[in-house]
N, C-alpha and C. Protein backbone atom coordinates (compact mmCIF):
# COMPACT_ATOMS: atom_id res chain seq x y z
N MET A 1 0.84 -1.18 0.00
CA MET A 1 0.00 0.00 0.00
C MET A 1 0.88 1.24 0.00
N LEU A 2 0.41 2.25 -0.67
CA LEU A 2 1.15 3.50 -0.76
C LEU A 2 0.62 4.49 0.26
N HIS A 3 1.51 4.97 1.12
CA HIS A 3 1.12 5.97 2.12
C HIS A 3 0.86 7.28 1.40
N THR A 4 -0.28 7.87 1.66
CA THR A 4 -0.60 9.16 1.07
C THR A 4 -1.05 10.10 2.18
N ASP A 5 -0.80 11.37 1.99
CA ASP A 5 -1.13 12.35 3.03
C ASP A 5 -1.62 13.63 2.37
N GLU A 6 -1.69 14.68 3.15
CA GLU A 6 -2.24 15.94 2.65
C GLU A 6 -1.40 16.56 1.54
N THR A 7 -0.14 16.19 1.45
CA THR A 7 0.72 16.77 0.41
C THR A 7 0.54 16.11 -0.94
N ASN A 8 0.06 14.87 -0.97
CA ASN A 8 -0.04 14.15 -2.24
C ASN A 8 -1.39 13.47 -2.48
N PHE A 9 -2.39 13.76 -1.66
CA PHE A 9 -3.71 13.14 -1.80
C PHE A 9 -4.33 13.49 -3.15
N GLN A 10 -4.20 14.73 -3.56
CA GLN A 10 -4.75 15.15 -4.86
C GLN A 10 -4.18 14.29 -5.98
N GLU A 11 -2.86 14.18 -6.02
CA GLU A 11 -2.18 13.42 -7.08
C GLU A 11 -2.46 11.93 -7.00
N ASN A 12 -2.40 11.38 -5.78
CA ASN A 12 -2.52 9.92 -5.61
C ASN A 12 -3.94 9.39 -5.63
N VAL A 13 -4.92 10.26 -5.37
CA VAL A 13 -6.30 9.79 -5.27
C VAL A 13 -7.23 10.56 -6.21
N LEU A 14 -7.32 11.85 -6.01
CA LEU A 14 -8.33 12.63 -6.72
C LEU A 14 -8.06 12.76 -8.22
N ASP A 15 -6.81 12.73 -8.62
CA ASP A 15 -6.47 12.84 -10.05
C ASP A 15 -6.53 11.51 -10.78
N LYS A 16 -6.83 10.43 -10.09
CA LYS A 16 -6.87 9.08 -10.70
C LYS A 16 -8.28 8.75 -11.16
N ASP A 17 -8.37 7.88 -12.16
CA ASP A 17 -9.69 7.41 -12.60
C ASP A 17 -10.34 6.51 -11.55
N PHE A 18 -9.52 5.74 -10.83
CA PHE A 18 -10.01 4.81 -9.82
C PHE A 18 -8.99 4.74 -8.69
N ALA A 19 -9.47 4.91 -7.47
CA ALA A 19 -8.56 4.84 -6.32
C ALA A 19 -9.29 4.22 -5.12
N VAL A 20 -8.56 3.37 -4.41
CA VAL A 20 -9.06 2.77 -3.17
C VAL A 20 -8.21 3.35 -2.05
N VAL A 21 -8.86 3.87 -1.01
CA VAL A 21 -8.16 4.53 0.09
C VAL A 21 -8.54 3.88 1.41
N ASP A 22 -7.52 3.48 2.15
CA ASP A 22 -7.69 2.90 3.48
C ASP A 22 -7.37 3.96 4.52
N PHE A 23 -8.37 4.42 5.25
CA PHE A 23 -8.16 5.37 6.35
C PHE A 23 -7.95 4.54 7.61
N SER A 24 -6.79 4.71 8.24
CA SER A 24 -6.46 3.87 9.39
C SER A 24 -5.51 4.61 10.33
N ALA A 25 -5.07 3.90 11.36
CA ALA A 25 -4.09 4.43 12.32
C ALA A 25 -3.27 3.25 12.85
N GLU A 26 -2.06 3.55 13.24
CA GLU A 26 -1.16 2.49 13.73
C GLU A 26 -1.71 1.82 14.99
N TRP A 27 -2.42 2.54 15.82
CA TRP A 27 -2.91 2.01 17.10
C TRP A 27 -4.22 1.23 16.96
N CYS A 28 -4.78 1.18 15.77
CA CYS A 28 -6.09 0.56 15.54
C CYS A 28 -5.95 -0.94 15.26
N GLY A 29 -6.44 -1.76 16.16
CA GLY A 29 -6.37 -3.22 16.00
C GLY A 29 -7.06 -3.73 14.75
N PRO A 30 -8.34 -3.35 14.51
CA PRO A 30 -9.01 -3.81 13.30
C PRO A 30 -8.30 -3.34 12.02
N CYS A 31 -7.67 -2.17 12.07
CA CYS A 31 -6.91 -1.67 10.91
C CYS A 31 -5.74 -2.60 10.62
N ARG A 32 -5.05 -3.02 11.66
CA ARG A 32 -3.92 -3.94 11.49
C ARG A 32 -4.40 -5.30 11.00
N MET A 33 -5.63 -5.65 11.34
CA MET A 33 -6.18 -6.93 10.90
C MET A 33 -6.44 -6.93 9.38
N ILE A 34 -7.02 -5.83 8.85
CA ILE A 34 -7.35 -5.83 7.42
C ILE A 34 -6.18 -5.41 6.54
N GLY A 35 -5.12 -4.86 7.14
CA GLY A 35 -3.96 -4.43 6.34
C GLY A 35 -3.42 -5.52 5.43
N PRO A 36 -3.14 -6.72 5.96
CA PRO A 36 -2.67 -7.80 5.09
C PRO A 36 -3.69 -8.20 4.02
N PHE A 37 -4.98 -8.12 4.35
CA PHE A 37 -6.02 -8.42 3.35
C PHE A 37 -5.91 -7.44 2.19
N LEU A 38 -5.77 -6.16 2.51
CA LEU A 38 -5.70 -5.14 1.47
C LEU A 38 -4.45 -5.30 0.61
N GLU A 39 -3.33 -5.65 1.25
CA GLU A 39 -2.10 -5.88 0.49
C GLU A 39 -2.27 -7.05 -0.48
N SER A 40 -2.93 -8.09 -0.04
CA SER A 40 -3.19 -9.25 -0.89
C SER A 40 -4.14 -8.90 -2.02
N ILE A 41 -5.15 -8.09 -1.72
CA ILE A 41 -6.12 -7.67 -2.74
C ILE A 41 -5.42 -6.83 -3.81
N GLU A 42 -4.49 -6.00 -3.40
CA GLU A 42 -3.71 -5.21 -4.37
C GLU A 42 -3.09 -6.12 -5.42
N GLU A 43 -2.42 -7.16 -4.94
CA GLU A 43 -1.76 -8.09 -5.86
C GLU A 43 -2.78 -8.86 -6.69
N GLN A 44 -3.83 -9.33 -6.06
CA GLN A 44 -4.85 -10.14 -6.73
C GLN A 44 -5.54 -9.36 -7.84
N LEU A 45 -5.87 -8.08 -7.58
CA LEU A 45 -6.62 -7.29 -8.55
C LEU A 45 -5.73 -6.39 -9.41
N GLY A 46 -4.45 -6.34 -9.09
CA GLY A 46 -3.54 -5.50 -9.85
C GLY A 46 -3.81 -4.01 -9.68
N ILE A 47 -4.15 -3.63 -8.45
CA ILE A 47 -4.43 -2.22 -8.16
C ILE A 47 -3.47 -1.74 -7.07
N GLU A 48 -3.44 -0.44 -6.86
CA GLU A 48 -2.66 0.11 -5.76
C GLU A 48 -3.63 0.76 -4.79
N ILE A 49 -3.54 0.38 -3.53
CA ILE A 49 -4.41 0.94 -2.50
C ILE A 49 -3.62 1.98 -1.72
N MET A 50 -4.23 3.15 -1.56
CA MET A 50 -3.61 4.24 -0.81
C MET A 50 -3.98 4.11 0.66
N GLN A 51 -3.06 4.47 1.52
CA GLN A 51 -3.33 4.41 2.95
C GLN A 51 -3.14 5.80 3.55
N VAL A 52 -4.16 6.28 4.27
CA VAL A 52 -4.11 7.57 4.94
C VAL A 52 -4.13 7.32 6.44
N ASN A 53 -3.10 7.79 7.13
CA ASN A 53 -3.05 7.72 8.58
C ASN A 53 -3.86 8.91 9.10
N ILE A 54 -4.95 8.63 9.79
CA ILE A 54 -5.84 9.71 10.22
C ILE A 54 -5.18 10.66 11.22
N ASP A 55 -4.21 10.16 11.98
CA ASP A 55 -3.52 11.02 12.94
C ASP A 55 -2.58 11.99 12.24
N GLU A 56 -2.00 11.56 11.12
CA GLU A 56 -1.06 12.40 10.38
C GLU A 56 -1.75 13.29 9.36
N SER A 57 -2.96 12.96 8.98
CA SER A 57 -3.70 13.72 7.96
C SER A 57 -5.12 14.00 8.43
N PRO A 58 -5.26 14.76 9.52
CA PRO A 58 -6.61 15.00 10.06
C PRO A 58 -7.52 15.79 9.13
N ASN A 59 -6.96 16.65 8.28
CA ASN A 59 -7.80 17.45 7.39
C ASN A 59 -8.49 16.59 6.34
N ILE A 60 -7.78 15.58 5.81
CA ILE A 60 -8.40 14.67 4.83
C ILE A 60 -9.49 13.87 5.51
N SER A 61 -9.18 13.36 6.70
CA SER A 61 -10.16 12.57 7.44
C SER A 61 -11.41 13.38 7.74
N ALA A 62 -11.23 14.63 8.11
CA ALA A 62 -12.39 15.50 8.40
C ALA A 62 -13.18 15.80 7.13
N LYS A 63 -12.48 16.08 6.04
CA LYS A 63 -13.16 16.41 4.78
C LYS A 63 -14.08 15.27 4.32
N TYR A 64 -13.62 14.04 4.50
CA TYR A 64 -14.40 12.88 4.06
C TYR A 64 -15.20 12.24 5.20
N GLU A 65 -15.29 12.96 6.32
CA GLU A 65 -16.12 12.58 7.46
C GLU A 65 -15.84 11.17 7.95
N VAL A 66 -14.56 10.85 8.10
CA VAL A 66 -14.18 9.55 8.66
C VAL A 66 -14.41 9.60 10.16
N MET A 67 -15.40 8.85 10.61
CA MET A 67 -15.78 8.85 12.02
C MET A 67 -15.31 7.62 12.76
N SER A 68 -15.01 6.56 12.02
CA SER A 68 -14.60 5.31 12.61
C SER A 68 -13.59 4.66 11.67
N ILE A 69 -12.65 3.95 12.25
CA ILE A 69 -11.66 3.26 11.42
C ILE A 69 -11.63 1.79 11.78
N PRO A 70 -11.28 0.94 10.82
CA PRO A 70 -10.88 1.27 9.47
C PRO A 70 -12.07 1.69 8.61
N THR A 71 -11.81 2.64 7.72
CA THR A 71 -12.76 3.04 6.69
C THR A 71 -12.04 2.93 5.36
N VAL A 72 -12.63 2.22 4.43
CA VAL A 72 -12.07 2.10 3.08
C VAL A 72 -13.03 2.79 2.14
N MET A 73 -12.50 3.71 1.32
CA MET A 73 -13.32 4.44 0.36
C MET A 73 -12.83 4.17 -1.05
N ILE A 74 -13.78 4.23 -1.96
CA ILE A 74 -13.46 4.11 -3.38
C ILE A 74 -13.79 5.44 -4.04
N PHE A 75 -12.83 5.93 -4.82
CA PHE A 75 -12.98 7.18 -5.56
C PHE A 75 -12.92 6.88 -7.04
N LYS A 76 -13.77 7.56 -7.80
CA LYS A 76 -13.71 7.50 -9.26
C LYS A 76 -13.66 8.93 -9.77
N LYS A 77 -12.60 9.22 -10.51
CA LYS A 77 -12.41 10.55 -11.10
C LYS A 77 -12.60 11.65 -10.06
N GLY A 78 -12.02 11.43 -8.88
CA GLY A 78 -12.02 12.44 -7.84
C GLY A 78 -13.23 12.49 -6.94
N GLU A 79 -14.22 11.65 -7.20
CA GLU A 79 -15.44 11.64 -6.39
C GLU A 79 -15.54 10.34 -5.60
N LYS A 80 -15.90 10.47 -4.32
CA LYS A 80 -16.12 9.27 -3.51
C LYS A 80 -17.39 8.60 -3.99
N VAL A 81 -17.29 7.29 -4.31
CA VAL A 81 -18.45 6.56 -4.80
C VAL A 81 -18.89 5.44 -3.86
N ALA A 82 -18.02 5.05 -2.93
CA ALA A 82 -18.38 3.96 -2.03
C ALA A 82 -17.55 4.04 -0.75
N GLU A 83 -18.10 3.49 0.32
CA GLU A 83 -17.43 3.52 1.62
C GLU A 83 -17.76 2.25 2.39
N ASN A 84 -16.74 1.66 2.99
CA ASN A 84 -16.92 0.50 3.85
C ASN A 84 -16.31 0.84 5.22
N VAL A 85 -17.13 0.81 6.25
CA VAL A 85 -16.66 1.15 7.58
C VAL A 85 -16.57 -0.11 8.42
N GLY A 86 -15.42 -0.29 9.08
CA GLY A 86 -15.22 -1.43 9.94
C GLY A 86 -14.45 -2.55 9.27
N ALA A 87 -14.01 -3.47 10.07
CA ALA A 87 -13.24 -4.61 9.56
C ALA A 87 -14.17 -5.53 8.76
N ALA A 88 -13.58 -6.16 7.75
CA ALA A 88 -14.33 -7.10 6.92
C ALA A 88 -13.38 -8.19 6.47
N SER A 89 -13.93 -9.29 6.03
CA SER A 89 -13.10 -10.40 5.56
C SER A 89 -12.44 -10.02 4.23
N LYS A 90 -11.39 -10.74 3.89
CA LYS A 90 -10.70 -10.51 2.62
C LYS A 90 -11.67 -10.73 1.46
N ALA A 91 -12.47 -11.79 1.54
CA ALA A 91 -13.42 -12.10 0.46
C ALA A 91 -14.43 -10.97 0.28
N ARG A 92 -14.94 -10.46 1.39
CA ARG A 92 -15.94 -9.39 1.31
C ARG A 92 -15.32 -8.12 0.74
N LEU A 93 -14.12 -7.75 1.20
CA LEU A 93 -13.45 -6.57 0.68
C LEU A 93 -13.13 -6.71 -0.81
N THR A 94 -12.69 -7.90 -1.20
CA THR A 94 -12.35 -8.14 -2.60
C THR A 94 -13.58 -7.96 -3.48
N GLU A 95 -14.68 -8.57 -3.11
CA GLU A 95 -15.91 -8.46 -3.91
C GLU A 95 -16.44 -7.03 -3.92
N TRP A 96 -16.33 -6.35 -2.81
CA TRP A 96 -16.79 -4.96 -2.71
C TRP A 96 -15.99 -4.07 -3.64
N ILE A 97 -14.67 -4.22 -3.62
CA ILE A 97 -13.81 -3.42 -4.52
C ILE A 97 -14.10 -3.78 -5.98
N LYS A 98 -14.16 -5.05 -6.29
CA LYS A 98 -14.43 -5.49 -7.67
C LYS A 98 -15.76 -4.94 -8.18
N SER A 99 -16.75 -4.85 -7.31
CA SER A 99 -18.06 -4.39 -7.75
C SER A 99 -18.07 -2.90 -8.13
N HIS A 100 -17.01 -2.19 -7.77
CA HIS A 100 -16.93 -0.76 -8.09
C HIS A 100 -15.87 -0.43 -9.13
N GLN A 101 -15.17 -1.44 -9.63
CA GLN A 101 -14.12 -1.17 -10.62
C GLN A 101 -14.72 -0.80 -11.94
């Protein structure tokens, strides 16, 4: 996963045709649980997933109203089109991402 923050969010997410963003924090247990799932999904689907640390990028988290983590969002051409809040299985995350590609 590629770490993205307030300095490169526009380039890494909003300027892309399709982007998956994982909002998380190092101290979050469920975030650490789905991290390996997301890394595996990247390889399986041939995509790159961006990771935003909510503690390091509070303005992005506030703009997209991230209230609970982990939150995974899908963006298409700069617009948020889908959101998954909370931990989920690898199979569920994979199908959810695929359904929005």
